[in-house]
Amino acid sequence: MNTDELRRFVLDQLDADEQRLAEEKLPLLDEAEGRGRLRIIRSDDGSGLLLLPGPIQAAEERVPVPFPEKFALLRNEVEQTRDEALLRLLAGAYDTHHDWQEEWR
């Protein structure tokens, strides 16, 4: 697997989501989170975010992380990480995009 290609795909999709938000559309990352494909929650100490697979918590337990905050932290993490699992999890949020590749599943 080409991790650099996967990283570029995720970064491009995060940028596209930022544009969607500017156009007052729901970012695909938020849509995937709402469908239970992944969870993005605040760390216990509030200093960062945790990216987890699986469904969201019950609505009364969940405090959504605003997209601009997610975008900034995720973009930084994606640019620096060598964690292929993290990149795959994020790429999965965009699996309907024509550039998404089955090998990233």
Protein backbone atom coordinates (compact mmCIF):
# COMPACT_ATOMS: atom_id res chain seq x y z
CA MET A 1 0.00 0.00 0.00
CA ASN A 2 1.18 3.47 -0.81
CA THR A 3 0.80 5.40 2.45
CA ASP A 4 1.71 8.71 0.81
CA GLU A 5 -1.11 8.28 -1.71
CA LEU A 6 -3.53 7.45 1.11
CA ARG A 7 -2.35 10.48 3.11
CA ARG A 8 -2.80 12.77 0.08
CA PHE A 9 -6.32 11.42 -0.48
CA VAL A 10 -7.32 12.10 3.13
CA LEU A 11 -5.82 15.59 3.07
CA ASP A 12 -7.62 16.40 -0.18
CA GLN A 13 -10.92 15.19 1.27
CA LEU A 14 -10.46 17.21 4.45
CA ASP A 15 -9.88 20.27 2.26
CA ALA A 16 -13.03 19.46 0.27
CA ASP A 17 -14.96 19.15 3.54
CA GLU A 18 -13.69 22.54 4.63
CA GLN A 19 -15.04 23.94 1.34
CA ARG A 20 -18.37 22.15 1.90
CA LEU A 21 -18.64 23.80 5.31
CA ALA A 22 -17.90 27.21 3.76
CA GLU A 23 -20.78 26.52 1.36
CA GLU A 24 -22.97 25.67 4.36
CA LYS A 25 -23.10 21.99 3.43
CA LEU A 26 -22.50 19.09 5.78
CA PRO A 27 -18.89 17.86 5.62
CA LEU A 28 -18.65 14.21 4.59
CA LEU A 29 -16.58 13.50 7.69
CA ASP A 30 -19.46 14.70 9.89
CA GLU A 31 -21.87 12.66 7.77
CA ALA A 32 -19.76 9.51 8.23
CA GLU A 33 -19.60 10.17 11.96
CA GLY A 34 -23.37 10.54 12.08
CA ARG A 35 -23.76 7.20 10.27
CA GLY A 36 -21.62 5.54 12.96
CA ARG A 37 -18.61 4.81 10.75
CA LEU A 38 -16.24 6.53 13.17
CA ARG A 39 -16.23 8.72 16.27
CA ILE A 40 -14.28 11.85 16.94
CA ILE A 41 -14.36 12.79 20.61
CA ARG A 42 -12.43 15.02 22.95
CA SER A 43 -9.68 13.42 25.00
CA ASP A 44 -10.39 13.10 28.72
CA ASP A 45 -8.08 16.00 29.55
CA GLY A 46 -9.52 18.13 26.72
CA SER A 47 -6.12 18.69 25.14
CA GLY A 48 -6.87 16.86 21.90
CA LEU A 49 -9.20 14.57 20.02
CA LEU A 50 -9.53 10.82 19.80
CA LEU A 51 -10.44 9.10 16.54
CA LEU A 52 -12.24 5.83 17.13
CA PRO A 53 -13.91 3.27 14.89
CA GLY A 54 -17.54 2.43 15.34
CA PRO A 55 -20.82 4.05 16.19
CA ILE A 56 -21.32 7.28 18.04
CA GLN A 57 -22.47 7.37 21.63
CA ALA A 58 -26.08 7.99 22.53
CA ALA A 59 -27.04 11.54 21.60
CA GLU A 60 -27.36 12.61 25.23
CA GLU A 61 -23.78 11.42 25.92
CA ARG A 62 -22.22 13.04 22.88
CA VAL A 63 -20.95 16.57 22.57
CA PRO A 64 -20.13 17.08 18.88
CA VAL A 65 -16.70 18.45 18.10
CA PRO A 66 -17.15 21.37 15.68
CA PHE A 67 -15.75 20.67 12.23
CA PRO A 68 -13.26 23.58 12.23
CA GLU A 69 -11.67 22.18 15.38
CA LYS A 70 -11.63 18.63 13.97
CA PHE A 71 -10.24 19.87 10.67
CA ALA A 72 -7.28 21.67 12.21
CA LEU A 73 -6.27 18.80 14.50
CA LEU A 74 -6.89 16.02 11.98
CA ARG A 75 -5.04 17.81 9.20
CA ASN A 76 -2.01 18.23 11.44
CA GLU A 77 -2.17 14.60 12.55
CA VAL A 78 -2.56 13.27 9.00
CA GLU A 79 0.39 15.33 7.79
CA GLN A 80 2.65 13.92 10.52
CA THR A 81 1.46 10.37 11.14
CA ARG A 82 2.88 7.11 9.95
CA ASP A 83 -0.12 5.28 11.42
CA GLU A 84 -1.69 3.52 8.46
CA ALA A 85 -4.70 2.42 10.53
CA LEU A 86 -5.55 6.04 11.34
CA LEU A 87 -5.28 7.00 7.67
CA ARG A 88 -7.47 4.07 6.64
CA LEU A 89 -10.11 4.93 9.21
CA LEU A 90 -10.29 8.51 7.97
CA ALA A 91 -10.23 7.44 4.31
CA GLY A 92 -13.19 5.17 5.02
CA ALA A 93 -15.30 8.26 5.70
CA TYR A 94 -14.83 9.14 2.03
CA ASP A 95 -15.30 5.71 0.45
CA THR A 96 -17.93 7.01 -1.97
CA HIS A 97 -15.40 9.33 -3.63
CA HIS A 98 -14.24 8.19 -7.08
CA ASP A 99 -10.55 8.26 -6.03
CA TRP A 100 -11.08 5.99 -3.02
CA GLN A 101 -9.43 2.58 -3.40
CA GLU A 102 -10.73 -0.73 -2.09
CA GLU A 103 -7.27 -1.65 -0.73
CA TRP A 104 -7.73 1.09 1.88
CA ARG A 105 -10.55 -0.83 3.56
